[in-house]
């Protein structure tokens, strides 16, 4: 089963270097185990855009977004055998933030990916 993690936080600015080093070690271990499908960080909101449909009209809103209280800073897609395995991995990831994040607060939303029907 594939799971996507979306890392969200109200914190701005780059994460502490030590946290990034520890995440790198975790990522390397998971890659060797063959569980990582894809992962990455996202660029700042100022470099983004939102394409919104409202009232029958499509609008493009360039970043940064004034109303953004919580920002998705990164994502990862993993392949796990069970939900429990996926959840344990997400808890381990957030514990790295607790230990090395120097006041970082946020969440890791874990969602199972819908499977595509066979061709």
PDB file of N, CA and C in Angstrom:
ATOM      1  N   UNK A   1       0.839  -1.173   0.000  1.00  0.00           N
ATOM      2  CA  UNK A   1       0.000   0.000   0.000  1.00  0.00           C
ATOM      3  C   UNK A   1       0.885   1.238   0.000  1.00  0.00           C
ATOM      4  N   UNK A   2       0.498   2.197  -0.801  1.00  0.00           N
ATOM      5  CA  UNK A   2       1.259   3.446  -0.864  1.00  0.00           C
ATOM      6  C   UNK A   2       0.603   4.498   0.021  1.00  0.00           C
ATOM      7  N   UNK A   3       1.478   5.229   0.715  1.00  0.00           N
ATOM      8  CA  UNK A   3       1.031   6.309   1.586  1.00  0.00           C
ATOM      9  C   UNK A   3       1.773   7.586   1.231  1.00  0.00           C
ATOM     10  N   UNK A   4       1.056   8.697   1.288  1.00  0.00           N
ATOM     11  CA  UNK A   4       1.675   9.999   1.110  1.00  0.00           C
ATOM     12  C   UNK A   4       1.680  10.712   2.448  1.00  0.00           C
ATOM     13  N   UNK A   5       2.814  11.309   2.761  1.00  0.00           N
ATOM     14  CA  UNK A   5       2.934  12.161   3.928  1.00  0.00           C
ATOM     15  C   UNK A   5       2.994  13.598   3.428  1.00  0.00           C
ATOM     16  N   UNK A   6       2.198  14.457   4.027  1.00  0.00           N
ATOM     17  CA  UNK A   6       2.236  15.896   3.753  1.00  0.00           C
ATOM     18  C   UNK A   6       2.654  16.574   5.047  1.00  0.00           C
ATOM     19  N   UNK A   7       3.778  17.259   5.023  1.00  0.00           N
ATOM     20  CA  UNK A   7       4.303  17.906   6.222  1.00  0.00           C
ATOM     21  C   UNK A   7       3.839  19.352   6.219  1.00  0.00           C
ATOM     22  N   UNK A   8       3.086  19.725   7.280  1.00  0.00           N
ATOM     23  CA  UNK A   8       2.497  21.054   7.375  1.00  0.00           C
ATOM     24  C   UNK A   8       2.993  21.755   8.633  1.00  0.00           C
ATOM     25  N   UNK A   9       3.194  23.077   8.502  1.00  0.00           N
ATOM     26  CA  UNK A   9       3.644  23.853   9.639  1.00  0.00           C
ATOM     27  C   UNK A   9       3.309  25.324   9.437  1.00  0.00           C
ATOM     28  N   UNK A  10       3.182  26.034  10.542  1.00  0.00           N
ATOM     29  CA  UNK A  10       3.025  27.487  10.489  1.00  0.00           C
ATOM     30  C   UNK A  10       4.392  28.159  10.571  1.00  0.00           C
ATOM     31  N   UNK A  11       5.444  27.380  10.795  1.00  0.00           N
ATOM     32  CA  UNK A  11       6.796  27.926  10.909  1.00  0.00           C
ATOM     33  C   UNK A  11       7.272  28.424   9.551  1.00  0.00           C
ATOM     34  N   UNK A  12       7.941  29.558   9.565  1.00  0.00           N
ATOM     35  CA  UNK A  12       8.489  30.082   8.316  1.00  0.00           C
ATOM     36  C   UNK A  12      10.006  29.999   8.366  1.00  0.00           C
ATOM     37  N   UNK A  13      10.613  30.070   7.230  1.00  0.00           N
ATOM     38  CA  UNK A  13      12.062  29.999   7.155  1.00  0.00           C
ATOM     39  C   UNK A  13      12.533  28.565   7.027  1.00  0.00           C
ATOM     40  N   UNK A  14      13.811  28.414   6.742  1.00  0.00           N
ATOM     41  CA  UNK A  14      14.357  27.075   6.543  1.00  0.00           C
ATOM     42  C   UNK A  14      14.426  26.298   7.854  1.00  0.00           C
ATOM     43  N   UNK A  15      14.303  24.971   7.774  1.00  0.00           N
ATOM     44  CA  UNK A  15      14.423  24.145   8.980  1.00  0.00           C
ATOM     45  C   UNK A  15      15.868  24.141   9.489  1.00  0.00           C
ATOM     46  N   UNK A  16      16.069  23.843  10.766  1.00  0.00           N
ATOM     47  CA  UNK A  16      17.427  23.774  11.311  1.00  0.00           C
ATOM     48  C   UNK A  16      18.272  22.733  10.556  1.00  0.00           C
ATOM     49  N   UNK A  17      19.539  23.031  10.378  1.00  0.00           N
ATOM     50  CA  UNK A  17      20.453  22.156   9.640  1.00  0.00           C
ATOM     51  C   UNK A  17      20.508  20.757  10.254  1.00  0.00           C
ATOM     52  N   UNK A  18      20.556  20.678  11.572  1.00  0.00           N
ATOM     53  CA  UNK A  18      20.648  19.358  12.234  1.00  0.00           C
ATOM     54  C   UNK A  18      19.411  18.522  11.931  1.00  0.00           C
ATOM     55  N   UNK A  19      18.240  19.144  11.909  1.00  0.00           N
ATOM     56  CA  UNK A  19      17.015  18.425  11.573  1.00  0.00           C
ATOM     57  C   UNK A  19      17.120  17.871  10.153  1.00  0.00           C
ATOM     58  N   UNK A  20      17.593  18.685   9.217  1.00  0.00           N
ATOM     59  CA  UNK A  20      17.717  18.227   7.830  1.00  0.00           C
ATOM     60  C   UNK A  20      18.713  17.073   7.716  1.00  0.00           C
ATOM     61  N   UNK A  21      19.782  17.107   8.487  1.00  0.00           N
ATOM     62  CA  UNK A  21      20.763  16.016   8.493  1.00  0.00           C
ATOM     63  C   UNK A  21      20.123  14.720   8.981  1.00  0.00           C
ATOM     64  N   UNK A  22      19.341  14.810  10.056  1.00  0.00           N
ATOM     65  CA  UNK A  22      18.693  13.621  10.618  1.00  0.00           C
ATOM     66  C   UNK A  22      17.620  13.080   9.670  1.00  0.00           C
ATOM     67  N   UNK A  23      16.887  13.969   9.017  1.00  0.00           N
ATOM     68  CA  UNK A  23      15.900  13.535   8.025  1.00  0.00           C
ATOM     69  C   UNK A  23      16.620  12.846   6.868  1.00  0.00           C
ATOM     70  N   UNK A  24      17.775  13.372   6.486  1.00  0.00           N
ATOM     71  CA  UNK A  24      18.571  12.751   5.426  1.00  0.00           C
ATOM     72  C   UNK A  24      18.987  11.331   5.774  1.00  0.00           C
ATOM     73  N   UNK A  25      19.390  11.115   7.025  1.00  0.00           N
ATOM     74  CA  UNK A  25      19.765   9.770   7.481  1.00  0.00           C
ATOM     75  C   UNK A  25      18.565   8.826   7.429  1.00  0.00           C
ATOM     76  N   UNK A  26      17.416   9.317   7.886  1.00  0.00           N
ATOM     77  CA  UNK A  26      16.196   8.513   7.853  1.00  0.00           C
ATOM     78  C   UNK A  26      15.826   8.181   6.408  1.00  0.00           C
ATOM     79  N   UNK A  27      15.902   9.165   5.526  1.00  0.00           N
ATOM     80  CA  UNK A  27      15.568   8.954   4.116  1.00  0.00           C
ATOM     81  C   UNK A  27      16.496   7.927   3.482  1.00  0.00           C
ATOM     82  N   UNK A  28      17.784   8.020   3.789  1.00  0.00           N
ATOM     83  CA  UNK A  28      18.750   7.061   3.240  1.00  0.00           C
ATOM     84  C   UNK A  28      18.415   5.636   3.700  1.00  0.00           C
ATOM     85  N   UNK A  29      18.085   5.495   4.984  1.00  0.00           N
ATOM     86  CA  UNK A  29      17.720   4.175   5.509  1.00  0.00           C
ATOM     87  C   UNK A  29      16.484   3.623   4.801  1.00  0.00           C
ATOM     88  N   UNK A  30      15.466   4.482   4.613  1.00  0.00           N
ATOM     89  CA  UNK A  30      14.227   4.045   3.961  1.00  0.00           C
ATOM     90  C   UNK A  30      14.450   3.724   2.478  1.00  0.00           C
ATOM     91  N   UNK A  31      15.354   4.464   1.830  1.00  0.00           N
ATOM     92  CA  UNK A  31      15.670   4.161   0.426  1.00  0.00           C
ATOM     93  C   UNK A  31      16.327   2.795   0.309  1.00  0.00           C
ATOM     94  N   UNK A  32      17.256   2.509   1.222  1.00  0.00           N
ATOM     95  CA  UNK A  32      17.925   1.199   1.224  1.00  0.00           C
ATOM     96  C   UNK A  32      16.920   0.083   1.475  1.00  0.00           C
ATOM     97  N   UNK A  33      15.910   0.364   2.294  1.00  0.00           N
ATOM     98  CA  UNK A  33      14.874  -0.630   2.599  1.00  0.00           C
ATOM     99  C   UNK A  33      13.877  -0.777   1.448  1.00  0.00           C
ATOM    100  N   UNK A  34      13.921   0.152   0.498  1.00  0.00           N
ATOM    101  CA  UNK A  34      13.021   0.073  -0.655  1.00  0.00           C
ATOM    102  C   UNK A  34      11.619   0.587  -0.397  1.00  0.00           C
ATOM    103  N   UNK A  35      11.422   1.355   0.678  1.00  0.00           N
ATOM    104  CA  UNK A  35      10.072   1.843   0.978  1.00  0.00           C
ATOM    105  C   UNK A  35       9.783   3.214   0.369  1.00  0.00           C
ATOM    106  N   UNK A  36      10.822   3.988   0.019  1.00  0.00           N
ATOM    107  CA  UNK A  36      10.622   5.328  -0.526  1.00  0.00           C
ATOM    108  C   UNK A  36      10.275   5.244  -2.012  1.00  0.00           C
ATOM    109  N   UNK A  37       9.174   5.865  -2.385  1.00  0.00           N
ATOM    110  CA  UNK A  37       8.790   5.973  -3.791  1.00  0.00           C
ATOM    111  C   UNK A  37       9.248   7.329  -4.326  1.00  0.00           C
ATOM    112  N   UNK A  38       8.991   8.397  -3.566  1.00  0.00           N
ATOM    113  CA  UNK A  38       9.386   9.753  -3.948  1.00  0.00           C
ATOM    114  C   UNK A  38       9.302  10.643  -2.713  1.00  0.00           C
ATOM    115  N   UNK A  39      10.096  11.695  -2.697  1.00  0.00           N
ATOM    116  CA  UNK A  39      10.051  12.640  -1.581  1.00  0.00           C
ATOM    117  C   UNK A  39      10.664  13.956  -2.008  1.00  0.00           C
ATOM    118  N   UNK A  40      10.298  15.022  -1.309  1.00  0.00           N
ATOM    119  CA  UNK A  40      10.906  16.309  -1.617  1.00  0.00           C
ATOM    120  C   UNK A  40      10.331  17.430  -0.783  1.00  0.00           C
ATOM    121  N   UNK A  41      11.065  18.515  -0.749  1.00  0.00           N
ATOM    122  CA  UNK A  41      10.606  19.722  -0.088  1.00  0.00           C
ATOM    123  C   UNK A  41       9.981  20.643  -1.132  1.00  0.00           C
ATOM    124  N   UNK A  42       9.204  21.586  -0.664  1.00  0.00           N
ATOM    125  CA  UNK A  42       8.554  22.538  -1.558  1.00  0.00           C
ATOM    126  C   UNK A  42       9.185  23.911  -1.402  1.00  0.00           C
ATOM    127  N   UNK A  43       9.255  24.643  -2.485  1.00  0.00           N
ATOM    128  CA  UNK A  43       9.824  25.984  -2.488  1.00  0.00           C
ATOM    129  C   UNK A  43       8.877  26.936  -1.740  1.00  0.00           C
ATOM    130  N   UNK A  44       9.356  28.131  -1.365  1.00  0.00           N
ATOM    131  CA  UNK A  44       8.539  29.076  -0.606  1.00  0.00           C
ATOM    132  C   UNK A  44       7.262  29.494  -1.335  1.00  0.00           C
ATOM    133  N   UNK A  45       6.258  29.891  -0.557  1.00  0.00           N
ATOM    134  CA  UNK A  45       4.971  30.322  -1.113  1.00  0.00           C
ATOM    135  C   UNK A  45       5.107  31.447  -2.126  1.00  0.00           C
ATOM    136  N   UNK A  46       6.085  32.314  -1.938  1.00  0.00           N
ATOM    137  CA  UNK A  46       6.267  33.440  -2.852  1.00  0.00           C
ATOM    138  C   UNK A  46       6.534  32.974  -4.277  1.00  0.00           C
ATOM    139  N   UNK A  47       7.008  31.750  -4.431  1.00  0.00           N
ATOM    140  CA  UNK A  47       7.325  31.229  -5.762  1.00  0.00           C
ATOM    141  C   UNK A  47       6.168  30.434  -6.353  1.00  0.00           C
ATOM    142  N   UNK A  48       5.078  30.309  -5.617  1.00  0.00           N
ATOM    143  CA  UNK A  48       3.960  29.487  -6.055  1.00  0.00           C
ATOM    144  C   UNK A  48       2.796  30.285  -6.604  1.00  0.00           C
ATOM    145  N   UNK A  49       1.773  29.571  -6.969  1.00  0.00           N
ATOM    146  CA  UNK A  49       0.519  30.164  -7.439  1.00  0.00           C
ATOM    147  C   UNK A  49      -0.610  29.206  -7.087  1.00  0.00           C
ATOM    148  N   UNK A  50      -1.785  29.751  -6.967  1.00  0.00           N
ATOM    149  CA  UNK A  50      -2.993  28.950  -6.765  1.00  0.00           C
ATOM    150  C   UNK A  50      -3.921  29.209  -7.943  1.00  0.00           C
ATOM    151  N   UNK A  51      -4.482  28.152  -8.473  1.00  0.00           N
ATOM    152  CA  UNK A  51      -5.484  28.276  -9.531  1.00  0.00           C
ATOM    153  C   UNK A  51      -6.800  27.850  -8.895  1.00  0.00           C
ATOM    154  N   UNK A  52      -7.711  28.801  -8.752  1.00  0.00           N
ATOM    155  CA  UNK A  52      -8.936  28.599  -7.983  1.00  0.00           C
ATOM    156  C   UNK A  52     -10.157  28.724  -8.884  1.00  0.00           C
ATOM    157  N   UNK A  53     -11.115  27.811  -8.671  1.00  0.00           N
ATOM    158  CA  UNK A  53     -12.414  27.877  -9.329  1.00  0.00           C
ATOM    159  C   UNK A  53     -13.437  28.271  -8.279  1.00  0.00           C
ATOM    160  N   UNK A  54     -14.080  29.409  -8.480  1.00  0.00           N
ATOM    161  CA  UNK A  54     -15.111  29.878  -7.553  1.00  0.00           C
ATOM    162  C   UNK A  54     -16.120  30.705  -8.350  1.00  0.00           C
ATOM    163  N   UNK A  55     -17.387  30.455  -8.112  1.00  0.00           N
ATOM    164  CA  UNK A  55     -18.437  31.201  -8.793  1.00  0.00           C
ATOM    165  C   UNK A  55     -18.396  31.053 -10.306  1.00  0.00           C
ATOM    166  N   UNK A  56     -17.937  29.901 -10.774  1.00  0.00           N
ATOM    167  CA  UNK A  56     -17.869  29.649 -12.208  1.00  0.00           C
ATOM    168  C   UNK A  56     -16.715  30.336 -12.911  1.00  0.00           C
ATOM    169  N   UNK A  57     -15.782  30.920 -12.134  1.00  0.00           N
ATOM    170  CA  UNK A  57     -14.653  31.632 -12.717  1.00  0.00           C
ATOM    171  C   UNK A  57     -13.341  31.022 -12.222  1.00  0.00           C
ATOM    172  N   UNK A  58     -12.387  30.855 -13.131  1.00  0.00           N
ATOM    173  CA  UNK A  58     -11.060  30.360 -12.781  1.00  0.00           C
ATOM    174  C   UNK A  58     -10.121  31.549 -12.640  1.00  0.00           C
ATOM    175  N   UNK A  59      -9.479  31.657 -11.468  1.00  0.00           N
ATOM    176  CA  UNK A  59      -8.541  32.746 -11.199  1.00  0.00           C
ATOM    177  C   UNK A  59      -7.179  32.177 -10.847  1.00  0.00           C
ATOM    178  N   UNK A  60      -6.134  32.908 -11.193  1.00  0.00           N
ATOM    179  CA  UNK A  60      -4.766  32.579 -10.800  1.00  0.00           C
ATOM    180  C   UNK A  60      -4.334  33.595  -9.759  1.00  0.00           C
ATOM    181  N   UNK A  61      -3.898  33.100  -8.609  1.00  0.00           N
ATOM    182  CA  UNK A  61      -3.425  33.960  -7.527  1.00  0.00           C
ATOM    183  C   UNK A  61      -1.954  33.641  -7.305  1.00  0.00           C
ATOM    184  N   UNK A  62      -1.086  34.614  -7.520  1.00  0.00           N
ATOM    185  CA  UNK A  62       0.342  34.408  -7.305  1.00  0.00           C
ATOM    186  C   UNK A  62       0.670  34.498  -5.824  1.00  0.00           C
ATOM    187  N   UNK A  63       1.651  33.704  -5.386  1.00  0.00           N
ATOM    188  CA  UNK A  63       2.113  33.734  -4.011  1.00  0.00           C
ATOM    189  C   UNK A  63       2.946  34.967  -3.759  1.00  0.00           C
ATOM    190  N   UNK A  64       3.228  35.302  -2.514  1.00  0.00           N
ATOM    191  CA  UNK A  64       2.793  34.578  -1.320  1.00  0.00           C
ATOM    192  C   UNK A  64       1.318  34.814  -1.022  1.00  0.00           C
ATOM    193  N   UNK A  65       0.760  33.962  -0.202  1.00  0.00           N
ATOM    194  CA  UNK A  65      -0.666  33.995   0.094  1.00  0.00           C
ATOM    195  C   UNK A  65      -0.874  34.531   1.500  1.00  0.00           C
ATOM    196  N   UNK A  66      -1.486  35.683   1.604  1.00  0.00           N
ATOM    197  CA  UNK A  66      -1.658  36.375   2.883  1.00  0.00           C
ATOM    198  C   UNK A  66      -2.417  35.526   3.895  1.00  0.00           C
ATOM    199  N   UNK A  67      -3.393  34.748   3.432  1.00  0.00           N
ATOM    200  CA  UNK A  67      -4.223  33.990   4.371  1.00  0.00           C
ATOM    201  C   UNK A  67      -3.610  32.650   4.786  1.00  0.00           C
ATOM    202  N   UNK A  68      -2.406  32.340   4.336  1.00  0.00           N
ATOM    203  CA  UNK A  68      -1.782  31.052   4.652  1.00  0.00           C
ATOM    204  C   UNK A  68      -1.377  31.007   6.123  1.00  0.00           C
ATOM    205  N   UNK A  69      -2.069  30.186   6.896  1.00  0.00           N
ATOM    206  CA  UNK A  69      -1.739  30.006   8.312  1.00  0.00           C
ATOM    207  C   UNK A  69      -0.889  28.761   8.507  1.00  0.00           C
ATOM    208  N   UNK A  70      -1.055  27.822   7.604  1.00  0.00           N
ATOM    209  CA  UNK A  70      -0.330  26.563   7.658  1.00  0.00           C
ATOM    210  C   UNK A  70       0.153  26.253   6.250  1.00  0.00           C
ATOM    211  N   UNK A  71       1.399  25.869   6.117  1.00  0.00           N
ATOM    212  CA  UNK A  71       2.000  25.671   4.808  1.00  0.00           C
ATOM    213  C   UNK A  71       2.497  24.233   4.677  1.00  0.00           C
ATOM    214  N   UNK A  72       2.260  23.628   3.515  1.00  0.00           N
ATOM    215  CA  UNK A  72       2.836  22.316   3.223  1.00  0.00           C
ATOM    216  C   UNK A  72       4.281  22.560   2.808  1.00  0.00           C
ATOM    217  N   UNK A  73       5.208  22.020   3.571  1.00  0.00           N
ATOM    218  CA  UNK A  73       6.626  22.256   3.318  1.00  0.00           C
ATOM    219  C   UNK A  73       7.317  21.123   2.589  1.00  0.00           C
ATOM    220  N   UNK A  74       6.687  19.953   2.578  1.00  0.00           N
ATOM    221  CA  UNK A  74       7.311  18.814   1.918  1.00  0.00           C
ATOM    222  C   UNK A  74       6.354  17.650   1.841  1.00  0.00           C
ATOM    223  N   UNK A  75       6.785  16.630   1.124  1.00  0.00           N
ATOM    224  CA  UNK A  75       5.957  15.440   0.940  1.00  0.00           C
ATOM    225  C   UNK A  75       6.857  14.221   0.802  1.00  0.00           C
ATOM    226  N   UNK A  76       6.286  13.075   0.993  1.00  0.00           N
ATOM    227  CA  UNK A  76       6.981  11.814   0.724  1.00  0.00           C
ATOM    228  C   UNK A  76       5.927  10.775   0.388  1.00  0.00           C
ATOM    229  N   UNK A  77       6.298   9.861  -0.492  1.00  0.00           N
ATOM    230  CA  UNK A  77       5.432   8.727  -0.828  1.00  0.00           C
ATOM    231  C   UNK A  77       6.208   7.461  -0.506  1.00  0.00           C
ATOM    232  N   UNK A  78       5.578   6.598   0.275  1.00  0.00           N
ATOM    233  CA  UNK A  78       6.202   5.349   0.717  1.00  0.00           C
ATOM    234  C   UNK A  78       5.341   4.159   0.313  1.00  0.00           C
ATOM    235  N   UNK A  79       5.976   3.018   0.257  1.00  0.00           N
ATOM    236  CA  UNK A  79       5.294   1.739   0.035  1.00  0.00           C
ATOM    237  C   UNK A  79       5.467   0.930   1.317  1.00  0.00           C
ATOM    238  N   UNK A  80       4.352   0.652   2.002  1.00  0.00           N
ATOM    239  CA  UNK A  80       4.380  -0.145   3.226  1.00  0.00           C
ATOM    240  C   UNK A  80       3.409  -1.314   3.105  1.00  0.00           C
ATOM    241  N   UNK A  81       3.649  -2.358   3.884  1.00  0.00           N
ATOM    242  CA  UNK A  81       2.769  -3.527   3.869  1.00  0.00           C
ATOM    243  C   UNK A  81       1.470  -3.266   4.627  1.00  0.00           C
ATOM    244  N   UNK A  82       1.564  -2.461   5.697  1.00  0.00           N
ATOM    245  CA  UNK A  82       0.391  -2.235   6.539  1.00  0.00           C
ATOM    246  C   UNK A  82       0.275  -0.761   6.924  1.00  0.00           C
ATOM    247  N   UNK A  83      -0.916  -0.376   7.342  1.00  0.00           N
ATOM    248  CA  UNK A  83      -1.153   0.975   7.854  1.00  0.00           C
ATOM    249  C   UNK A  83      -0.323   1.213   9.114  1.00  0.00           C
ATOM    250  N   UNK A  84      -0.195   0.199   9.938  1.00  0.00           N
ATOM    251  CA  UNK A  84       0.559   0.321  11.181  1.00  0.00           C
ATOM    252  C   UNK A  84       2.025   0.644  10.906  1.00  0.00           C
ATOM    253  N   UNK A  85       2.599   0.017   9.865  1.00  0.00           N
ATOM    254  CA  UNK A  85       3.969   0.294   9.458  1.00  0.00           C
ATOM    255  C   UNK A  85       4.104   1.758   9.018  1.00  0.00           C
ATOM    256  N   UNK A  86       3.142   2.213   8.236  1.00  0.00           N
ATOM    257  CA  UNK A  86       3.144   3.593   7.747  1.00  0.00           C
ATOM    258  C   UNK A  86       3.033   4.574   8.911  1.00  0.00           C
ATOM    259  N   UNK A  87       2.167   4.279   9.846  1.00  0.00           N
ATOM    260  CA  UNK A  87       1.968   5.150  11.000  1.00  0.00           C
ATOM    261  C   UNK A  87       3.219   5.203  11.882  1.00  0.00           C
ATOM    262  N   UNK A  88       3.855   4.064  12.086  1.00  0.00           N
ATOM    263  CA  UNK A  88       5.085   4.024  12.888  1.00  0.00           C
ATOM    264  C   UNK A  88       6.180   4.876  12.234  1.00  0.00           C
ATOM    265  N   UNK A  89       6.264   4.832  10.926  1.00  0.00           N
ATOM    266  CA  UNK A  89       7.251   5.630  10.204  1.00  0.00           C
ATOM    267  C   UNK A  89       6.960   7.128  10.358  1.00  0.00           C
ATOM    268  N   UNK A  90       5.690   7.520  10.260  1.00  0.00           N
ATOM    269  CA  UNK A  90       5.311   8.928  10.415  1.00  0.00           C
ATOM    270  C   UNK A  90       5.620   9.414  11.835  1.00  0.00           C
ATOM    271  N   UNK A  91       5.382   8.575  12.838  1.00  0.00           N
ATOM    272  CA  UNK A  91       5.686   8.941  14.228  1.00  0.00           C
ATOM    273  C   UNK A  91       7.196   9.120  14.395  1.00  0.00           C
ATOM    274  N   UNK A  92       7.982   8.226  13.818  1.00  0.00           N
ATOM    275  CA  UNK A  92       9.438   8.353  13.894  1.00  0.00           C
ATOM    276  C   UNK A  92       9.899   9.668  13.248  1.00  0.00           C
ATOM    277  N   UNK A  93       9.321   9.990  12.105  1.00  0.00           N
ATOM    278  CA  UNK A  93       9.649  11.227  11.392  1.00  0.00           C
ATOM    279  C   UNK A  93       9.336  12.452  12.256  1.00  0.00           C
ATOM    280  N   UNK A  94       8.172  12.463  12.888  1.00  0.00           N
ATOM    281  CA  UNK A  94       7.798  13.611  13.718  1.00  0.00           C
ATOM    282  C   UNK A  94       8.647  13.682  14.992  1.00  0.00           C
ATOM    283  N   UNK A  95       9.089  12.535  15.499  1.00  0.00           N
ATOM    284  CA  UNK A  95       9.978  12.549  16.656  1.00  0.00           C
ATOM    285  C   UNK A  95      11.320  13.199  16.321  1.00  0.00           C
ATOM    286  N   UNK A  96      11.770  13.082  15.064  1.00  0.00           N
ATOM    287  CA  UNK A  96      12.979  13.802  14.645  1.00  0.00           C
ATOM    288  C   UNK A  96      12.744  15.309  14.756  1.00  0.00           C
ATOM    289  N   UNK A  97      11.560  15.765  14.361  1.00  0.00           N
ATOM    290  CA  UNK A  97      11.227  17.188  14.468  1.00  0.00           C
ATOM    291  C   UNK A  97      11.187  17.627  15.936  1.00  0.00           C
ATOM    292  N   UNK A  98      10.660  16.768  16.779  1.00  0.00           N
ATOM    293  CA  UNK A  98      10.596  17.077  18.215  1.00  0.00           C
ATOM    294  C   UNK A  98      12.001  17.215  18.795  1.00  0.00           C
ATOM    295  N   UNK A  99      12.893  16.300  18.409  1.00  0.00           N
ATOM    296  CA  UNK A  99      14.232  16.286  18.987  1.00  0.00           C
ATOM    297  C   UNK A  99      15.156  17.346  18.380  1.00  0.00           C
ATOM    298  N   UNK A 100      15.061  17.571  17.066  1.00  0.00           N
ATOM    299  CA  UNK A 100      16.034  18.433  16.383  1.00  0.00           C
ATOM    300  C   UNK A 100      15.419  19.687  15.758  1.00  0.00           C
ATOM    301  N   UNK A 101      14.120  19.903  15.945  1.00  0.00           N
ATOM    302  CA  UNK A 101      13.437  21.001  15.272  1.00  0.00           C
ATOM    303  C   UNK A 101      13.445  22.326  15.983  1.00  0.00           C
ATOM    304  N   UNK A 102      14.034  22.414  17.167  1.00  0.00           N
ATOM    305  CA  UNK A 102      14.176  23.678  17.899  1.00  0.00           C
ATOM    306  C   UNK A 102      12.901  24.521  17.892  1.00  0.00           C
ATOM    307  N   UNK A 103      11.825  24.001  18.472  1.00  0.00           N
ATOM    308  CA  UNK A 103      10.574  24.741  18.577  1.00  0.00           C
ATOM    309  C   UNK A 103       9.626  24.555  17.402  1.00  0.00           C
ATOM    310  N   UNK A 104      10.011  23.741  16.434  1.00  0.00           N
ATOM    311  CA  UNK A 104       9.149  23.488  15.278  1.00  0.00           C
ATOM    312  C   UNK A 104       7.846  22.866  15.746  1.00  0.00           C
ATOM    313  N   UNK A 105       6.744  23.327  15.207  1.00  0.00           N
ATOM    314  CA  UNK A 105       5.439  22.731  15.477  1.00  0.00           C
ATOM    315  C   UNK A 105       4.735  22.538  14.148  1.00  0.00           C
ATOM    316  N   UNK A 106       4.066  21.435  14.014  1.00  0.00           N
ATOM    317  CA  UNK A 106       3.346  21.152  12.784  1.00  0.00           C
ATOM    318  C   UNK A 106       2.806  19.739  12.819  1.00  0.00           C
ATOM    319  N   UNK A 107       2.516  19.227  11.644  1.00  0.00           N
ATOM    320  CA  UNK A 107       1.963  17.877  11.575  1.00  0.00           C
ATOM    321  C   UNK A 107       2.394  17.196  10.291  1.00  0.00           C
ATOM    322  N   UNK A 108       2.321  15.891  10.330  1.00  0.00           N
ATOM    323  CA  UNK A 108       2.563  15.061   9.164  1.00  0.00           C
ATOM    324  C   UNK A 108       1.250  14.343   8.877  1.00  0.00           C
ATOM    325  N   UNK A 109       0.568  14.798   7.846  1.00  0.00           N
ATOM    326  CA  UNK A 109      -0.696  14.150   7.466  1.00  0.00           C
ATOM    327  C   UNK A 109      -0.357  12.914   6.645  1.00  0.00           C
ATOM    328  N   UNK A 110      -0.862  11.769   7.068  1.00  0.00           N
ATOM    329  CA  UNK A 110      -0.597  10.495   6.404  1.00  0.00           C
ATOM    330  C   UNK A 110      -1.868  10.056   5.695  1.00  0.00           C
ATOM    331  N   UNK A 111      -1.782   9.832   4.373  1.00  0.00           N
ATOM    332  CA  UNK A 111      -2.957   9.419   3.607  1.00  0.00           C
ATOM    333  C   UNK A 111      -2.582   8.271   2.687  1.00  0.00           C
ATOM    334  N   UNK A 112      -3.409   7.235   2.688  1.00  0.00           N
ATOM    335  CA  UNK A 112      -3.205   6.134   1.747  1.00  0.00           C
ATOM    336  C   UNK A 112      -3.619   6.600   0.356  1.00  0.00           C
ATOM    337  N   UNK A 113      -2.801   6.259  -0.648  1.00  0.00           N
ATOM    338  CA  UNK A 113      -3.128   6.619  -2.027  1.00  0.00           C
ATOM    339  C   UNK A 113      -4.172   5.659  -2.578  1.00  0.00           C
ATOM    340  N   UNK A 114      -5.098   6.189  -3.335  1.00  0.00           N
ATOM    341  CA  UNK A 114      -6.087   5.351  -4.005  1.00  0.00           C
ATOM    342  C   UNK A 114      -5.378   4.570  -5.092  1.00  0.00           C
ATOM    343  N   UNK A 115      -5.735   3.326  -5.249  1.00  0.00           N
ATOM    344  CA  UNK A 115      -5.115   2.477  -6.258  1.00  0.00           C
ATOM    345  C   UNK A 115      -5.803   2.674  -7.596  1.00  0.00           C
ATOM    346  N   UNK A 116      -5.021   2.770  -8.642  1.00  0.00           N
ATOM    347  CA  UNK A 116      -5.583   2.852  -9.986  1.00  0.00           C
ATOM    348  C   UNK A 116      -6.078   1.481 -10.413  1.00  0.00           C
ATOM    349  N   UNK A 117      -7.195   1.441 -11.143  1.00  0.00           N
ATOM    350  CA  UNK A 117      -7.670   0.142 -11.619  1.00  0.00           C
ATOM    351  C   UNK A 117      -6.694  -0.417 -12.651  1.00  0.00           C
ATOM    352  N   UNK A 118      -6.572  -1.733 -12.736  1.00  0.00           N
ATOM    353  CA  UNK A 118      -5.671  -2.317 -13.734  1.00  0.00           C
ATOM    354  C   UNK A 118      -6.153  -1.985 -15.157  1.00  0.00           C
ATOM    355  N   UNK A 119      -5.199  -1.865 -16.108  1.00  0.00           N
ATOM    356  CA  UNK A 119      -5.592  -1.516 -17.493  1.00  0.00           C
ATOM    357  C   UNK A 119      -6.404  -2.589 -18.174  1.00  0.00           C
TER     358      UNK A 119
END
